[in-house]
C-alpha cells in the first residue's frame, strides 16, 4: 500500500510541477515591450506589424508615410534631453491619427508620448480603446507637461481586454503649427493568457494513467 501511495504522490507531484512551469512561462511571455529600435532603420509605420502590433497612420482619413518607426526627434538634439521617451522612437506629424491593432486581446497597455510644445497641454493627446468586438470603451484625454524639450505624458490602462487603441494629438498649440510633431516610445502591453488546455490535457492523462496503475497494482495484491 505504501508503494502504491508513493507512486501516486510522485506522479501527482510531477504533473503539478510541469503545469506550474508551463503556466509561469506562458504568463511571462504575455508581456511585450516595443522600444522602436527593433528594425534598425527608419521605416514608415503605416500598415507595419511588429511584435503582435499592427500600426495604421492616417492624415485626414488617408494612409500616410509621415510617421516613422525607428526615428529620432528632434534629430539634432541628444536623447538626454528627453524624459519619458528615448531615441529611437515612433515619430510623426501630429495632425494624423495613429492606430494600434493587437493580434491578441490586451488586458494592460502603457506608453509615453511627447509633443512638440514647451508648455503644458490639456490634453496633449487622447486615446480611444476598442474591445474585442471593436466597440468603443471611451476616450481618455491625457495632459502633457514640458519635462524636458517636449511636452510629455504617460498613458496607462488595465482592465477589460481590448483589441485596438486609437491615438490623436493636440496639434493646435505647437511650435510649428504647419508641421506639428509627436513622438511615441516604450510601448508595453500584456496579452490575455490563453486557456491552459494543453496543461489540462496533460494533467488529465497523467492522472488517468496513475489511477489505472494503482487499480492494477491493487488487483495484483
Protein backbone atom coordinates (compact mmCIF):
# COMPACT_ATOMS: atom_id res chain seq x y z
CA UNK A 1 0.00 0.00 0.00
CA UNK A 2 2.83 2.38 0.88
CA UNK A 3 4.43 1.67 -2.50
CA UNK A 4 1.17 2.45 -4.30
CA UNK A 5 0.72 5.69 -2.37
CA UNK A 6 4.32 6.67 -3.05
CA UNK A 7 3.88 6.11 -6.79
CA UNK A 8 0.67 8.12 -6.79
CA UNK A 9 2.23 11.02 -4.90
CA UNK A 10 5.27 11.12 -7.18
CA UNK A 11 3.15 11.18 -10.33
CA UNK A 12 0.86 13.86 -8.91
CA UNK A 13 3.84 15.99 -7.89
CA UNK A 14 5.40 15.63 -11.33
CA UNK A 15 2.18 16.68 -13.06
CA UNK A 16 1.75 19.67 -10.73
CA UNK A 17 5.37 20.80 -11.24
CA UNK A 18 5.08 20.54 -15.02
CA UNK A 19 1.86 22.55 -15.01
CA UNK A 20 3.42 25.30 -12.88
CA UNK A 21 6.44 25.57 -15.18
CA UNK A 22 4.35 25.79 -18.35
CA UNK A 23 1.88 28.22 -16.79
CA UNK A 24 4.59 30.54 -15.48
CA UNK A 25 6.33 30.51 -18.87
CA UNK A 26 3.05 31.39 -20.62
CA UNK A 27 2.44 34.33 -18.29
CA UNK A 28 5.99 35.65 -18.72
CA UNK A 29 5.68 35.57 -22.49
CA UNK A 30 2.40 37.54 -22.34
CA UNK A 31 4.19 40.84 -21.57
CA UNK A 32 5.64 42.53 -24.68
CA UNK A 33 7.61 45.77 -24.96
CA UNK A 34 8.41 47.79 -28.08
CA UNK A 35 11.31 50.24 -27.81
CA UNK A 36 11.17 51.17 -31.52
CA UNK A 37 14.75 50.13 -32.24
CA UNK A 38 13.69 46.65 -33.39
CA UNK A 39 14.01 47.34 -37.13
CA UNK A 40 17.40 49.07 -37.06
CA UNK A 41 16.44 51.75 -39.60
CA UNK A 42 13.61 54.29 -40.10
CA UNK A 43 10.52 52.67 -41.62
CA UNK A 44 7.06 54.10 -42.43
CA UNK A 45 4.76 52.86 -39.67
CA UNK A 46 1.55 52.68 -41.71
CA UNK A 47 0.49 49.01 -42.10
CA UNK A 48 3.64 47.87 -40.28
CA UNK A 49 3.45 44.91 -37.87
CA UNK A 50 5.98 44.49 -35.05
CA UNK A 51 5.72 42.06 -32.12
CA UNK A 52 1.99 41.49 -32.47
CA UNK A 53 1.06 45.15 -33.06
CA UNK A 54 -0.14 46.41 -36.45
CA UNK A 55 0.13 50.17 -36.87
CA UNK A 56 -2.14 52.31 -39.01
CA UNK A 57 -1.45 56.00 -39.63
CA UNK A 58 -3.71 58.39 -41.49
CA UNK A 59 -3.91 62.13 -42.11
CA UNK A 60 -7.40 63.37 -42.99
CA UNK A 61 -8.50 59.75 -43.40
CA UNK A 62 -5.80 58.90 -45.94
CA UNK A 63 -2.90 56.48 -45.34
CA UNK A 64 0.31 58.43 -44.87
CA UNK A 65 4.06 57.81 -44.61
CA UNK A 66 4.56 60.85 -42.37
CA UNK A 67 5.07 58.69 -39.28
CA UNK A 68 8.25 56.64 -38.95
CA UNK A 69 9.25 53.65 -36.82
CA UNK A 70 12.84 53.80 -35.51
CA UNK A 71 13.08 57.57 -35.96
CA UNK A 72 14.73 60.38 -33.98
CA UNK A 73 13.14 63.60 -32.81
CA UNK A 74 14.38 66.22 -32.78
CA UNK A 75 17.25 64.75 -34.82
CA UNK A 76 19.73 67.49 -33.89
CA UNK A 77 19.34 67.10 -30.08
CA UNK A 78 20.71 64.34 -27.78
CA UNK A 79 18.41 61.80 -26.13
CA UNK A 80 19.47 63.03 -22.68
CA UNK A 81 17.13 65.99 -23.06
CA UNK A 82 14.10 63.68 -23.22
CA UNK A 83 12.38 62.42 -20.06
CA UNK A 84 9.86 59.64 -20.82
CA UNK A 85 10.89 58.93 -24.41
CA UNK A 86 14.28 57.90 -25.77
CA UNK A 87 15.57 57.84 -29.31
CA UNK A 88 14.93 55.92 -31.48
CA UNK A 89 11.15 56.10 -31.23
CA UNK A 90 8.00 56.40 -33.33
CA UNK A 91 7.80 59.95 -34.67
CA UNK A 92 5.32 61.65 -36.96
CA UNK A 93 3.04 64.52 -37.94
CA UNK A 94 0.69 65.30 -35.03
CA UNK A 95 -2.14 66.10 -37.45
CA UNK A 96 -2.50 62.37 -38.13
CA UNK A 97 -4.33 59.56 -36.33
CA UNK A 98 -2.27 56.57 -35.11
CA UNK A 99 -3.98 53.21 -34.51
CA UNK A 100 -2.58 50.18 -32.72
CA UNK A 101 -4.24 46.88 -33.63
CA UNK A 102 -3.26 43.96 -31.39
CA UNK A 103 -3.04 40.39 -32.67
CA UNK A 104 -4.32 39.08 -29.31
CA UNK A 105 -6.63 40.71 -26.74
CA UNK A 106 -4.74 43.01 -24.38
CA UNK A 107 -5.51 43.48 -20.68
CA UNK A 108 -2.87 46.15 -19.94
CA UNK A 109 -1.33 48.88 -22.08
CA UNK A 110 1.25 51.58 -21.39
CA UNK A 111 3.25 54.04 -23.48
CA UNK A 112 4.84 57.50 -23.40
CA UNK A 113 4.06 60.37 -25.77
CA UNK A 114 5.91 63.61 -26.38
CA UNK A 115 4.52 66.50 -28.39
CA UNK A 116 6.39 69.48 -29.83
CA UNK A 117 5.46 72.17 -27.31
CA UNK A 118 7.27 73.95 -24.48
CA UNK A 119 4.10 74.36 -22.41
CA UNK A 120 1.55 72.15 -20.64
CA UNK A 121 -1.21 70.88 -22.92
CA UNK A 122 -4.66 69.83 -21.70
CA UNK A 123 -4.93 67.47 -23.35
CA UNK A 124 -1.70 66.77 -25.17
CA UNK A 125 -3.19 63.64 -26.74
CA UNK A 126 -6.23 61.36 -26.49
CA UNK A 127 -6.61 57.59 -26.58
CA UNK A 128 -9.73 55.67 -27.59
CA UNK A 129 -9.83 51.98 -26.64
CA UNK A 130 -11.90 49.40 -28.50
CA UNK A 131 -12.89 45.99 -27.14
CA UNK A 132 -12.66 42.66 -28.97
CA UNK A 133 -15.88 43.44 -30.88
CA UNK A 134 -14.41 46.86 -31.78
CA UNK A 135 -16.91 48.67 -29.57
CA UNK A 136 -15.55 51.85 -28.01
CA UNK A 137 -14.73 51.74 -24.30
CA UNK A 138 -14.43 55.52 -24.23
CA UNK A 139 -11.80 58.18 -24.87
CA UNK A 140 -9.12 59.11 -22.33
CA UNK A 141 -7.61 62.59 -22.53
CA UNK A 142 -4.00 62.75 -21.34
CA UNK A 143 -2.43 66.03 -20.25
CA UNK A 144 1.22 66.65 -21.06
CA UNK A 145 3.88 68.77 -19.35
CA UNK A 146 7.21 70.17 -20.58
CA UNK A 147 9.53 67.82 -18.65
CA UNK A 148 12.47 68.44 -20.97
CA UNK A 149 12.38 69.60 -24.60
CA UNK A 150 8.95 68.10 -25.29
CA UNK A 151 5.60 68.31 -23.56
CA UNK A 152 5.31 64.71 -22.40
CA UNK A 153 2.68 62.42 -20.91
CA UNK A 154 2.17 58.78 -19.93
CA UNK A 155 -0.82 56.60 -20.78
CA UNK A 156 -1.62 53.56 -18.64
CA UNK A 157 -4.55 51.17 -18.90
CA UNK A 158 -5.50 47.97 -17.09
CA UNK A 159 -8.92 46.40 -17.34
CA UNK A 160 -11.26 44.67 -19.76
CA UNK A 161 -9.48 43.12 -22.78
CA UNK A 162 -9.03 45.47 -25.73
CA UNK A 163 -8.26 44.84 -29.38
CA UNK A 164 -7.37 48.32 -30.61
CA UNK A 165 -6.17 51.75 -29.46
CA UNK A 166 -6.60 54.96 -31.47
CA UNK A 167 -4.36 57.94 -30.70
CA UNK A 168 -4.98 61.56 -31.70
CA UNK A 169 -2.76 64.52 -30.83
CA UNK A 170 -3.25 68.16 -29.93
CA UNK A 171 -1.80 69.97 -32.94
CA UNK A 172 -3.07 73.49 -32.25
CA UNK A 173 -0.52 74.91 -29.79
CA UNK A 174 2.70 73.52 -31.26
CA UNK A 175 5.87 75.44 -32.01
CA UNK A 176 5.32 74.94 -35.72
CA UNK A 177 1.58 74.79 -36.45
CA UNK A 178 2.28 73.92 -40.08
CA UNK A 179 4.27 70.83 -39.14
CA UNK A 180 3.42 69.74 -35.58
CA UNK A 181 5.26 66.62 -34.40
CA UNK A 182 4.63 63.83 -31.91
CA UNK A 183 6.81 61.04 -30.52
CA UNK A 184 5.78 57.70 -29.01
CA UNK A 185 8.04 55.31 -27.10
CA UNK A 186 8.22 52.40 -24.65
CA UNK A 187 5.00 50.69 -25.73
CA UNK A 188 4.26 47.83 -23.32
CA UNK A 189 1.23 45.55 -23.45
CA UNK A 190 0.06 42.40 -21.69
CA UNK A 191 -1.83 39.88 -23.76
CA UNK A 192 -4.70 37.97 -22.17
CA UNK A 193 -3.40 34.47 -21.26
CA UNK A 194 -4.72 31.66 -23.43
CA UNK A 195 -6.76 28.92 -21.70
CA UNK A 196 -4.33 26.29 -20.47
CA UNK A 197 -5.95 23.46 -22.42
CA UNK A 198 -2.65 21.68 -23.02
CA UNK A 199 -1.88 21.65 -19.31
CA UNK A 200 -5.35 20.32 -18.52
CA UNK A 201 -4.96 17.57 -21.10
CA UNK A 202 -1.55 16.53 -19.80
CA UNK A 203 -2.74 16.55 -16.21
CA UNK A 204 -5.87 14.56 -17.07
CA UNK A 205 -3.88 11.95 -18.99
CA UNK A 206 -1.28 11.60 -16.24
CA UNK A 207 -3.90 11.28 -13.51
CA UNK A 208 -5.80 8.71 -15.56
CA UNK A 209 -2.64 6.68 -16.09
CA UNK A 210 -1.83 6.93 -12.39
CA UNK A 211 -5.27 5.68 -11.32
CA UNK A 212 -5.11 2.84 -13.83
CA UNK A 213 -1.75 1.77 -12.46
CA UNK A 214 -2.99 1.93 -8.85
CA UNK A 215 -6.05 -0.19 -9.64
CA UNK A 216 -3.89 -2.69 -11.49
CA UNK A 217 -1.50 -2.98 -8.55
CA UNK A 218 -4.42 -3.37 -6.15
CA UNK A 219 -5.75 -6.32 -8.17
CA UNK A 220 -2.32 -7.97 -8.15
CA UNK A 221 -2.06 -7.57 -4.37
